[in-house]
PDB file of all heavy atoms in Angstrom:
ATOM      1  N   ASN A   1      -3.157   0.212  10.708  1.00  0.00           N
ATOM      2  CA  ASN A   1      -3.532   0.956   9.510  1.00  0.00           C
ATOM      3  C   ASN A   1      -2.917   2.343   9.635  1.00  0.00           C
ATOM      4  O   ASN A   1      -3.119   3.013  10.657  1.00  0.00           O
ATOM      5  CB  ASN A   1      -5.056   1.082   9.384  1.00  0.00           C
ATOM      6  CG  ASN A   1      -5.738  -0.257   9.240  1.00  0.00           C
ATOM      7  OD1 ASN A   1      -5.666  -0.891   8.203  1.00  0.00           O
ATOM      8  ND2 ASN A   1      -6.411  -0.689  10.299  1.00  0.00           N
ATOM      9  N   ALA A   2      -2.190   2.771   8.624  1.00  0.00           N
ATOM     10  CA  ALA A   2      -1.540   4.072   8.674  1.00  0.00           C
ATOM     11  C   ALA A   2      -1.718   4.790   7.343  1.00  0.00           C
ATOM     12  O   ALA A   2      -1.629   4.158   6.277  1.00  0.00           O
ATOM     13  CB  ALA A   2      -0.052   3.928   8.985  1.00  0.00           C
ATOM     14  N   VAL A   3      -1.977   6.084   7.404  1.00  0.00           N
ATOM     15  CA  VAL A   3      -2.061   6.916   6.204  1.00  0.00           C
ATOM     16  C   VAL A   3      -1.064   8.060   6.346  1.00  0.00           C
ATOM     17  O   VAL A   3      -1.161   8.864   7.274  1.00  0.00           O
ATOM     18  CB  VAL A   3      -3.478   7.471   5.982  1.00  0.00           C
ATOM     19  CG1 VAL A   3      -3.501   8.373   4.744  1.00  0.00           C
ATOM     20  CG2 VAL A   3      -4.488   6.341   5.835  1.00  0.00           C
ATOM     21  N   PHE A   4      -0.110   8.118   5.425  1.00  0.00           N
ATOM     22  CA  PHE A   4       0.907   9.165   5.402  1.00  0.00           C
ATOM     23  C   PHE A   4       0.589  10.184   4.316  1.00  0.00           C
ATOM     24  O   PHE A   4       0.207   9.811   3.197  1.00  0.00           O
ATOM     25  CB  PHE A   4       2.291   8.582   5.105  1.00  0.00           C
ATOM     26  CG  PHE A   4       2.911   7.802   6.224  1.00  0.00           C
ATOM     27  CD1 PHE A   4       2.666   6.440   6.359  1.00  0.00           C
ATOM     28  CD2 PHE A   4       3.763   8.419   7.133  1.00  0.00           C
ATOM     29  CE1 PHE A   4       3.249   5.713   7.384  1.00  0.00           C
ATOM     30  CE2 PHE A   4       4.349   7.696   8.155  1.00  0.00           C
ATOM     31  CZ  PHE A   4       4.094   6.335   8.291  1.00  0.00           C
ATOM     32  N   GLU A   5       0.778  11.440   4.637  1.00  0.00           N
ATOM     33  CA  GLU A   5       0.774  12.491   3.624  1.00  0.00           C
ATOM     34  C   GLU A   5       2.212  12.778   3.236  1.00  0.00           C
ATOM     35  O   GLU A   5       3.101  12.835   4.098  1.00  0.00           O
ATOM     36  CB  GLU A   5       0.127  13.767   4.154  1.00  0.00           C
ATOM     37  CG  GLU A   5       0.145  14.916   3.138  1.00  0.00           C
ATOM     38  CD  GLU A   5      -0.348  16.221   3.697  1.00  0.00           C
ATOM     39  OE1 GLU A   5      -0.850  16.237   4.846  1.00  0.00           O
ATOM     40  OE2 GLU A   5      -0.223  17.250   2.992  1.00  0.00           O
ATOM     41  N   PHE A   6       2.457  12.954   1.933  1.00  0.00           N
ATOM     42  CA  PHE A   6       3.789  13.263   1.425  1.00  0.00           C
ATOM     43  C   PHE A   6       3.811  14.660   0.831  1.00  0.00           C
ATOM     44  O   PHE A   6       2.767  15.233   0.505  1.00  0.00           O
ATOM     45  CB  PHE A   6       4.208  12.238   0.363  1.00  0.00           C
ATOM     46  CG  PHE A   6       4.832  10.990   0.923  1.00  0.00           C
ATOM     47  CD1 PHE A   6       4.081  10.075   1.651  1.00  0.00           C
ATOM     48  CD2 PHE A   6       6.182  10.727   0.735  1.00  0.00           C
ATOM     49  CE1 PHE A   6       4.653   8.927   2.175  1.00  0.00           C
ATOM     50  CE2 PHE A   6       6.770   9.595   1.251  1.00  0.00           C
ATOM     51  CZ  PHE A   6       6.006   8.690   1.974  1.00  0.00           C
ATOM     52  N   GLU A   7       5.005  15.213   0.700  1.00  0.00           N
ATOM     53  CA  GLU A   7       5.168  16.505   0.033  1.00  0.00           C
ATOM     54  C   GLU A   7       4.531  16.431  -1.359  1.00  0.00           C
ATOM     55  O   GLU A   7       4.692  15.447  -2.074  1.00  0.00           O
ATOM     56  CB  GLU A   7       6.655  16.844  -0.107  1.00  0.00           C
ATOM     57  CG  GLU A   7       7.365  17.094   1.206  1.00  0.00           C
ATOM     58  CD  GLU A   7       8.875  17.188   1.040  1.00  0.00           C
ATOM     59  OE1 GLU A   7       9.367  16.885  -0.067  1.00  0.00           O
ATOM     60  OE2 GLU A   7       9.555  17.552   2.015  1.00  0.00           O
ATOM     61  N   GLY A   8       3.817  17.464  -1.729  1.00  0.00           N
ATOM     62  CA  GLY A   8       3.139  17.473  -3.013  1.00  0.00           C
ATOM     63  C   GLY A   8       1.731  16.916  -2.950  1.00  0.00           C
ATOM     64  O   GLY A   8       1.016  16.946  -3.956  1.00  0.00           O
ATOM     65  N   GLY A   9       1.335  16.370  -1.785  1.00  0.00           N
ATOM     66  CA  GLY A   9      -0.037  15.927  -1.598  1.00  0.00           C
ATOM     67  C   GLY A   9      -0.302  14.452  -1.785  1.00  0.00           C
ATOM     68  O   GLY A   9      -1.427  13.992  -1.545  1.00  0.00           O
ATOM     69  N   ALA A  10       0.677  13.672  -2.224  1.00  0.00           N
ATOM     70  CA  ALA A  10       0.457  12.231  -2.388  1.00  0.00           C
ATOM     71  C   ALA A  10       0.160  11.581  -1.040  1.00  0.00           C
ATOM     72  O   ALA A  10       0.611  12.051   0.007  1.00  0.00           O
ATOM     73  CB  ALA A  10       1.668  11.565  -3.031  1.00  0.00           C
ATOM     74  N   ARG A  11      -0.618  10.509  -1.067  1.00  0.00           N
ATOM     75  CA  ARG A  11      -0.938   9.745   0.137  1.00  0.00           C
ATOM     76  C   ARG A  11      -0.429   8.313  -0.006  1.00  0.00           C
ATOM     77  O   ARG A  11      -0.523   7.707  -1.071  1.00  0.00           O
ATOM     78  CB  ARG A  11      -2.443   9.706   0.377  1.00  0.00           C
ATOM     79  CG  ARG A  11      -3.099  11.060   0.621  1.00  0.00           C
ATOM     80  CD  ARG A  11      -2.569  11.742   1.869  1.00  0.00           C
ATOM     81  NE  ARG A  11      -3.429  12.836   2.315  1.00  0.00           N
ATOM     82  CZ  ARG A  11      -3.330  14.088   1.877  1.00  0.00           C
ATOM     83  NH1 ARG A  11      -2.417  14.397   0.953  1.00  0.00           N
ATOM     84  NH2 ARG A  11      -4.135  15.028   2.343  1.00  0.00           N
ATOM     85  N   PHE A  12       0.080   7.789   1.113  1.00  0.00           N
ATOM     86  CA  PHE A  12       0.489   6.385   1.191  1.00  0.00           C
ATOM     87  C   PHE A  12      -0.294   5.724   2.307  1.00  0.00           C
ATOM     88  O   PHE A  12      -0.245   6.153   3.461  1.00  0.00           O
ATOM     89  CB  PHE A  12       1.989   6.270   1.472  1.00  0.00           C
ATOM     90  CG  PHE A  12       2.431   4.889   1.919  1.00  0.00           C
ATOM     91  CD1 PHE A  12       2.189   3.773   1.134  1.00  0.00           C
ATOM     92  CD2 PHE A  12       3.084   4.713   3.139  1.00  0.00           C
ATOM     93  CE1 PHE A  12       2.588   2.503   1.553  1.00  0.00           C
ATOM     94  CE2 PHE A  12       3.487   3.456   3.563  1.00  0.00           C
ATOM     95  CZ  PHE A  12       3.238   2.352   2.765  1.00  0.00           C
ATOM     96  N   SER A  13      -1.037   4.669   1.970  1.00  0.00           N
ATOM     97  CA  SER A  13      -1.798   3.939   2.977  1.00  0.00           C
ATOM     98  C   SER A  13      -1.208   2.546   3.161  1.00  0.00           C
ATOM     99  O   SER A  13      -0.945   1.835   2.188  1.00  0.00           O
ATOM    100  CB  SER A  13      -3.270   3.838   2.579  1.00  0.00           C
ATOM    101  OG  SER A  13      -3.427   3.153   1.355  1.00  0.00           O
ATOM    102  N   PHE A  14      -0.998   2.202   4.417  1.00  0.00           N
ATOM    103  CA  PHE A  14      -0.447   0.895   4.787  1.00  0.00           C
ATOM    104  C   PHE A  14      -1.453   0.177   5.659  1.00  0.00           C
ATOM    105  O   PHE A  14      -1.934   0.724   6.652  1.00  0.00           O
ATOM    106  CB  PHE A  14       0.867   1.071   5.548  1.00  0.00           C
ATOM    107  CG  PHE A  14       1.397  -0.197   6.174  1.00  0.00           C
ATOM    108  CD1 PHE A  14       2.131  -1.100   5.418  1.00  0.00           C
ATOM    109  CD2 PHE A  14       1.157  -0.490   7.511  1.00  0.00           C
ATOM    110  CE1 PHE A  14       2.615  -2.275   5.991  1.00  0.00           C
ATOM    111  CE2 PHE A  14       1.632  -1.654   8.091  1.00  0.00           C
ATOM    112  CZ  PHE A  14       2.366  -2.545   7.318  1.00  0.00           C
ATOM    113  N   THR A  15      -1.782  -1.045   5.273  1.00  0.00           N
ATOM    114  CA  THR A  15      -2.648  -1.905   6.071  1.00  0.00           C
ATOM    115  C   THR A  15      -1.924  -3.220   6.275  1.00  0.00           C
ATOM    116  O   THR A  15      -1.538  -3.874   5.290  1.00  0.00           O
ATOM    117  CB  THR A  15      -3.995  -2.162   5.369  1.00  0.00           C
ATOM    118  OG1 THR A  15      -4.662  -0.925   5.141  1.00  0.00           O
ATOM    119  CG2 THR A  15      -4.878  -3.069   6.214  1.00  0.00           C
ATOM    120  N   GLY A  16      -1.700  -3.609   7.523  1.00  0.00           N
ATOM    121  CA  GLY A  16      -0.917  -4.812   7.725  1.00  0.00           C
ATOM    122  C   GLY A  16      -1.250  -5.561   8.994  1.00  0.00           C
ATOM    123  O   GLY A  16      -1.858  -5.025   9.929  1.00  0.00           O
ATOM    124  N   SER A  17      -0.844  -6.820   9.017  1.00  0.00           N
ATOM    125  CA  SER A  17      -1.033  -7.671  10.192  1.00  0.00           C
ATOM    126  C   SER A  17       0.025  -8.761  10.190  1.00  0.00           C
ATOM    127  O   SER A  17       0.368  -9.317   9.141  1.00  0.00           O
ATOM    128  CB  SER A  17      -2.420  -8.303  10.183  1.00  0.00           C
ATOM    129  OG  SER A  17      -2.529  -9.281  11.211  1.00  0.00           O
ATOM    130  N   TRP A  18       0.510  -9.056  11.392  1.00  0.00           N
ATOM    131  CA  TRP A  18       1.434 -10.175  11.565  1.00  0.00           C
ATOM    132  C   TRP A  18       0.740 -11.384  12.202  1.00  0.00           C
ATOM    133  O   TRP A  18       1.388 -12.322  12.632  1.00  0.00           O
ATOM    134  CB  TRP A  18       2.622  -9.734  12.422  1.00  0.00           C
ATOM    135  CG  TRP A  18       3.887  -9.624  11.626  1.00  0.00           C
ATOM    136  CD1 TRP A  18       4.056  -9.889  10.308  1.00  0.00           C
ATOM    137  CD2 TRP A  18       5.173  -9.227  12.121  1.00  0.00           C
ATOM    138  NE1 TRP A  18       5.357  -9.678   9.943  1.00  0.00           N
ATOM    139  CE2 TRP A  18       6.067  -9.268  11.036  1.00  0.00           C
ATOM    140  CE3 TRP A  18       5.647  -8.834  13.370  1.00  0.00           C
ATOM    141  CZ2 TRP A  18       7.414  -8.938  11.157  1.00  0.00           C
ATOM    142  CZ3 TRP A  18       6.990  -8.498  13.491  1.00  0.00           C
ATOM    143  CH2 TRP A  18       7.859  -8.556  12.403  1.00  0.00           C
ATOM    144  N   CYS A  19      -0.578 -11.332  12.277  1.00  0.00           N
ATOM    145  CA  CYS A  19      -1.318 -12.486  12.797  1.00  0.00           C
ATOM    146  C   CYS A  19      -2.518 -12.750  11.887  1.00  0.00           C
ATOM    147  O   CYS A  19      -3.656 -12.819  12.338  1.00  0.00           O
ATOM    148  CB  CYS A  19      -1.740 -12.268  14.252  1.00  0.00           C
ATOM    149  SG  CYS A  19      -2.675 -10.773  14.539  1.00  0.00           S
ATOM    150  N   SER A  20      -2.235 -12.893  10.594  1.00  0.00           N
ATOM    151  CA  SER A  20      -3.283 -13.068   9.585  1.00  0.00           C
ATOM    152  C   SER A  20      -3.028 -14.343   8.778  1.00  0.00           C
ATOM    153  O   SER A  20      -2.526 -14.292   7.652  1.00  0.00           O
ATOM    154  CB  SER A  20      -3.324 -11.849   8.665  1.00  0.00           C
ATOM    155  OG  SER A  20      -4.363 -11.965   7.726  1.00  0.00           O
ATOM    156  N   PRO A  21      -3.359 -15.513   9.333  1.00  0.00           N
ATOM    157  CA  PRO A  21      -3.092 -16.776   8.626  1.00  0.00           C
ATOM    158  C   PRO A  21      -4.022 -16.962   7.434  1.00  0.00           C
ATOM    159  O   PRO A  21      -5.195 -16.581   7.454  1.00  0.00           O
ATOM    160  CB  PRO A  21      -3.360 -17.835   9.710  1.00  0.00           C
ATOM    161  CG  PRO A  21      -4.321 -17.182  10.643  1.00  0.00           C
ATOM    162  CD  PRO A  21      -3.957 -15.729  10.660  1.00  0.00           C
ATOM    163  N   GLY A  22      -3.484 -17.554   6.391  1.00  0.00           N
ATOM    164  CA  GLY A  22      -4.268 -17.836   5.193  1.00  0.00           C
ATOM    165  C   GLY A  22      -4.161 -16.733   4.154  1.00  0.00           C
ATOM    166  O   GLY A  22      -4.244 -15.550   4.486  1.00  0.00           O
ATOM    167  N   LEU A  23      -3.948 -17.117   2.897  1.00  0.00           N
ATOM    168  CA  LEU A  23      -3.871 -16.178   1.779  1.00  0.00           C
ATOM    169  C   LEU A  23      -2.905 -15.026   2.081  1.00  0.00           C
ATOM    170  O   LEU A  23      -3.204 -13.851   1.862  1.00  0.00           O
ATOM    171  CB  LEU A  23      -5.259 -15.627   1.423  1.00  0.00           C
ATOM    172  CG  LEU A  23      -6.305 -16.669   0.983  1.00  0.00           C
ATOM    173  CD1 LEU A  23      -7.656 -15.997   0.761  1.00  0.00           C
ATOM    174  CD2 LEU A  23      -5.839 -17.381  -0.283  1.00  0.00           C
ATOM    175  N   GLU A  24      -1.751 -15.391   2.566  1.00  0.00           N
ATOM    176  CA  GLU A  24      -0.781 -14.381   2.970  1.00  0.00           C
ATOM    177  C   GLU A  24      -0.190 -13.646   1.766  1.00  0.00           C
ATOM    178  O   GLU A  24      -0.106 -14.199   0.664  1.00  0.00           O
ATOM    179  CB  GLU A  24       0.345 -15.019   3.796  1.00  0.00           C
ATOM    180  CG  GLU A  24      -0.150 -15.605   5.112  1.00  0.00           C
ATOM    181  CD  GLU A  24       0.972 -16.216   5.947  1.00  0.00           C
ATOM    182  OE1 GLU A  24       2.151 -16.006   5.602  1.00  0.00           O
ATOM    183  OE2 GLU A  24       0.662 -16.895   6.945  1.00  0.00           O
ATOM    184  N   THR A  25       0.220 -12.405   1.990  1.00  0.00           N
ATOM    185  CA  THR A  25       0.883 -11.633   0.953  1.00  0.00           C
ATOM    186  C   THR A  25       2.366 -11.991   0.914  1.00  0.00           C
ATOM    187  O   THR A  25       2.884 -12.725   1.763  1.00  0.00           O
ATOM    188  CB  THR A  25       0.763 -10.128   1.222  1.00  0.00           C
ATOM    189  OG1 THR A  25       1.494  -9.810   2.424  1.00  0.00           O
ATOM    190  CG2 THR A  25      -0.678  -9.695   1.365  1.00  0.00           C
ATOM    191  N   SER A  26       3.059 -11.418  -0.049  1.00  0.00           N
ATOM    192  CA  SER A  26       4.519 -11.459  -0.082  1.00  0.00           C
ATOM    193  C   SER A  26       5.081 -10.751   1.141  1.00  0.00           C
ATOM    194  O   SER A  26       4.430  -9.885   1.737  1.00  0.00           O
ATOM    195  CB  SER A  26       5.010 -10.758  -1.354  1.00  0.00           C
ATOM    196  OG  SER A  26       6.372 -10.404  -1.253  1.00  0.00           O
ATOM    197  N   TRP A  27       6.300 -11.078   1.508  1.00  0.00           N
ATOM    198  CA  TRP A  27       6.982 -10.329   2.558  1.00  0.00           C
ATOM    199  C   TRP A  27       7.212  -8.882   2.130  1.00  0.00           C
ATOM    200  O   TRP A  27       7.422  -8.007   2.969  1.00  0.00           O
ATOM    201  CB  TRP A  27       8.324 -10.984   2.915  1.00  0.00           C
ATOM    202  CG  TRP A  27       8.162 -12.111   3.887  1.00  0.00           C
ATOM    203  CD1 TRP A  27       8.155 -13.444   3.607  1.00  0.00           C
ATOM    204  CD2 TRP A  27       7.969 -12.008   5.314  1.00  0.00           C
ATOM    205  NE1 TRP A  27       7.978 -14.177   4.760  1.00  0.00           N
ATOM    206  CE2 TRP A  27       7.868 -13.318   5.818  1.00  0.00           C
ATOM    207  CE3 TRP A  27       7.881 -10.939   6.194  1.00  0.00           C
ATOM    208  CZ2 TRP A  27       7.675 -13.573   7.173  1.00  0.00           C
ATOM    209  CZ3 TRP A  27       7.688 -11.188   7.544  1.00  0.00           C
ATOM    210  CH2 TRP A  27       7.596 -12.502   8.027  1.00  0.00           C
ATOM    211  N   ASN A  28       7.175  -8.618   0.843  1.00  0.00           N
ATOM    212  CA  ASN A  28       7.294  -7.241   0.366  1.00  0.00           C
ATOM    213  C   ASN A  28       5.962  -6.498   0.418  1.00  0.00           C
ATOM    214  O   ASN A  28       5.932  -5.273   0.266  1.00  0.00           O
ATOM    215  CB  ASN A  28       7.816  -7.222  -1.074  1.00  0.00           C
ATOM    216  CG  ASN A  28       9.265  -7.647  -1.151  1.00  0.00           C
ATOM    217  OD1 ASN A  28      10.086  -7.235  -0.349  1.00  0.00           O
ATOM    218  ND2 ASN A  28       9.586  -8.486  -2.115  1.00  0.00           N
ATOM    219  N   GLY A  29       4.866  -7.224   0.609  1.00  0.00           N
ATOM    220  CA  GLY A  29       3.549  -6.611   0.571  1.00  0.00           C
ATOM    221  C   GLY A  29       2.988  -6.589  -0.837  1.00  0.00           C
ATOM    222  O   GLY A  29       3.646  -6.968  -1.809  1.00  0.00           O
ATOM    223  N   ARG A  30       1.744  -6.162  -0.945  1.00  0.00           N
ATOM    224  CA  ARG A  30       1.052  -6.058  -2.240  1.00  0.00           C
ATOM    225  C   ARG A  30       0.781  -4.577  -2.505  1.00  0.00           C
ATOM    226  O   ARG A  30       0.135  -3.895  -1.708  1.00  0.00           O
ATOM    227  CB  ARG A  30      -0.256  -6.859  -2.208  1.00  0.00           C
ATOM    228  CG  ARG A  30      -1.008  -6.876  -3.516  1.00  0.00           C
ATOM    229  CD  ARG A  30      -2.106  -7.943  -3.515  1.00  0.00           C
ATOM    230  NE  ARG A  30      -3.010  -7.806  -2.375  1.00  0.00           N
ATOM    231  CZ  ARG A  30      -3.229  -8.774  -1.484  1.00  0.00           C
ATOM    232  NH1 ARG A  30      -2.620  -9.939  -1.590  1.00  0.00           N
ATOM    233  NH2 ARG A  30      -4.081  -8.569  -0.482  1.00  0.00           N
ATOM    234  N   TRP A  31       1.244  -4.070  -3.670  1.00  0.00           N
ATOM    235  CA  TRP A  31       1.306  -2.637  -3.931  1.00  0.00           C
ATOM    236  C   TRP A  31       0.397  -2.203  -5.081  1.00  0.00           C
ATOM    237  O   TRP A  31       0.226  -2.926  -6.065  1.00  0.00           O
ATOM    238  CB  TRP A  31       2.737  -2.232  -4.269  1.00  0.00           C
ATOM    239  CG  TRP A  31       3.668  -2.360  -3.111  1.00  0.00           C
ATOM    240  CD1 TRP A  31       4.270  -3.508  -2.665  1.00  0.00           C
ATOM    241  CD2 TRP A  31       4.096  -1.319  -2.235  1.00  0.00           C
ATOM    242  NE1 TRP A  31       5.046  -3.247  -1.567  1.00  0.00           N
ATOM    243  CE2 TRP A  31       4.963  -1.908  -1.279  1.00  0.00           C
ATOM    244  CE3 TRP A  31       3.839   0.046  -2.169  1.00  0.00           C
ATOM    245  CZ2 TRP A  31       5.562  -1.157  -0.274  1.00  0.00           C
ATOM    246  CZ3 TRP A  31       4.438   0.792  -1.171  1.00  0.00           C
ATOM    247  CH2 TRP A  31       5.294   0.190  -0.229  1.00  0.00           C
ATOM    248  N   ARG A  32      -0.134  -0.976  -4.951  1.00  0.00           N
ATOM    249  CA  ARG A  32      -0.870  -0.312  -6.020  1.00  0.00           C
ATOM    250  C   ARG A  32      -0.450   1.153  -6.042  1.00  0.00           C
ATOM    251  O   ARG A  32      -0.494   1.834  -5.005  1.00  0.00           O
ATOM    252  CB  ARG A  32      -2.387  -0.411  -5.805  1.00  0.00           C
ATOM    253  CG  ARG A  32      -3.224   0.242  -6.920  1.00  0.00           C
ATOM    254  CD  ARG A  32      -4.705   0.191  -6.596  1.00  0.00           C
ATOM    255  NE  ARG A  32      -5.503   0.704  -7.714  1.00  0.00           N
ATOM    256  CZ  ARG A  32      -6.074  -0.069  -8.640  1.00  0.00           C
ATOM    257  NH1 ARG A  32      -5.963  -1.384  -8.571  1.00  0.00           N
ATOM    258  NH2 ARG A  32      -6.764   0.479  -9.624  1.00  0.00           N
ATOM    259  N   VAL A  33      -0.028   1.633  -7.190  1.00  0.00           N
ATOM    260  CA  VAL A  33       0.354   3.030  -7.365  1.00  0.00           C
ATOM    261  C   VAL A  33      -0.567   3.632  -8.421  1.00  0.00           C
ATOM    262  O   VAL A  33      -0.665   3.113  -9.535  1.00  0.00           O
ATOM    263  CB  VAL A  33       1.825   3.169  -7.804  1.00  0.00           C
ATOM    264  CG1 VAL A  33       2.148   4.624  -8.153  1.00  0.00           C
ATOM    265  CG2 VAL A  33       2.756   2.671  -6.709  1.00  0.00           C
ATOM    266  N   SER A  34      -1.227   4.728  -8.043  1.00  0.00           N
ATOM    267  CA  SER A  34      -2.120   5.427  -8.962  1.00  0.00           C
ATOM    268  C   SER A  34      -1.548   6.801  -9.254  1.00  0.00           C
ATOM    269  O   SER A  34      -1.257   7.575  -8.325  1.00  0.00           O
ATOM    270  CB  SER A  34      -3.524   5.563  -8.352  1.00  0.00           C
ATOM    271  OG  SER A  34      -4.385   6.245  -9.232  1.00  0.00           O
ATOM    272  N   ALA A  35      -1.364   7.110 -10.537  1.00  0.00           N
ATOM    273  CA  ALA A  35      -0.808   8.383 -10.965  1.00  0.00           C
ATOM    274  C   ALA A  35      -1.726   9.030 -11.983  1.00  0.00           C
ATOM    275  O   ALA A  35      -2.712   8.423 -12.423  1.00  0.00           O
ATOM    276  CB  ALA A  35       0.586   8.174 -11.555  1.00  0.00           C
ATOM    277  N   ASP A  36      -1.407  10.265 -12.390  1.00  0.00           N
ATOM    278  CA  ASP A  36      -2.296  10.940 -13.322  1.00  0.00           C
ATOM    279  C   ASP A  36      -2.288  10.302 -14.702  1.00  0.00           C
ATOM    280  O   ASP A  36      -3.199  10.515 -15.498  1.00  0.00           O
ATOM    281  CB  ASP A  36      -1.963  12.433 -13.420  1.00  0.00           C
ATOM    282  CG  ASP A  36      -0.550  12.718 -13.899  1.00  0.00           C
ATOM    283  OD1 ASP A  36       0.209  11.769 -14.148  1.00  0.00           O
ATOM    284  OD2 ASP A  36      -0.201  13.908 -14.023  1.00  0.00           O
ATOM    285  N   GLY A  37      -1.268   9.470 -14.965  1.00  0.00           N
ATOM    286  CA  GLY A  37      -1.200   8.826 -16.268  1.00  0.00           C
ATOM    287  C   GLY A  37      -1.532   7.346 -16.279  1.00  0.00           C
ATOM    288  O   GLY A  37      -1.382   6.668 -17.296  1.00  0.00           O
ATOM    289  N   GLY A  38      -1.989   6.798 -15.137  1.00  0.00           N
ATOM    290  CA  GLY A  38      -2.327   5.381 -15.112  1.00  0.00           C
ATOM    291  C   GLY A  38      -2.061   4.746 -13.758  1.00  0.00           C
ATOM    292  O   GLY A  38      -1.831   5.443 -12.760  1.00  0.00           O
ATOM    293  N   THR A  39      -2.059   3.422 -13.736  1.00  0.00           N
ATOM    294  CA  THR A  39      -1.939   2.660 -12.486  1.00  0.00           C
ATOM    295  C   THR A  39      -0.981   1.494 -12.672  1.00  0.00           C
ATOM    296  O   THR A  39      -0.930   0.879 -13.744  1.00  0.00           O
ATOM    297  CB  THR A  39      -3.322   2.139 -12.045  1.00  0.00           C
ATOM    298  OG1 THR A  39      -4.161   3.253 -11.729  1.00  0.00           O
ATOM    299  CG2 THR A  39      -3.219   1.234 -10.826  1.00  0.00           C
ATOM    300  N   ALA A  40      -0.226   1.184 -11.619  1.00  0.00           N
ATOM    301  CA  ALA A  40       0.707   0.060 -11.641  1.00  0.00           C
ATOM    302  C   ALA A  40       0.494  -0.808 -10.404  1.00  0.00           C
ATOM    303  O   ALA A  40       0.296  -0.294  -9.302  1.00  0.00           O
ATOM    304  CB  ALA A  40       2.152   0.564 -11.682  1.00  0.00           C
ATOM    305  N   LEU A  41       0.517  -2.131 -10.600  1.00  0.00           N
ATOM    306  CA  LEU A  41       0.318  -3.101  -9.521  1.00  0.00           C
ATOM    307  C   LEU A  41       1.532  -4.011  -9.411  1.00  0.00           C
ATOM    308  O   LEU A  41       2.135  -4.384 -10.420  1.00  0.00           O
ATOM    309  CB  LEU A  41      -0.922  -3.967  -9.795  1.00  0.00           C
ATOM    310  CG  LEU A  41      -2.256  -3.269 -10.077  1.00  0.00           C
ATOM    311  CD1 LEU A  41      -3.322  -4.311 -10.404  1.00  0.00           C
ATOM    312  CD2 LEU A  41      -2.679  -2.417  -8.884  1.00  0.00           C
TER     313      LEU A  41
END
């Protein structure tokens, strides 16, 4: 689990595992972006 701070104050959180069988995500991961004007998944 990692939380990065970016310039301007944005945060990026990464949660991952390479030993998590069942209901696996894409190799690209599953993304959520929240901005002041809305959200994108």
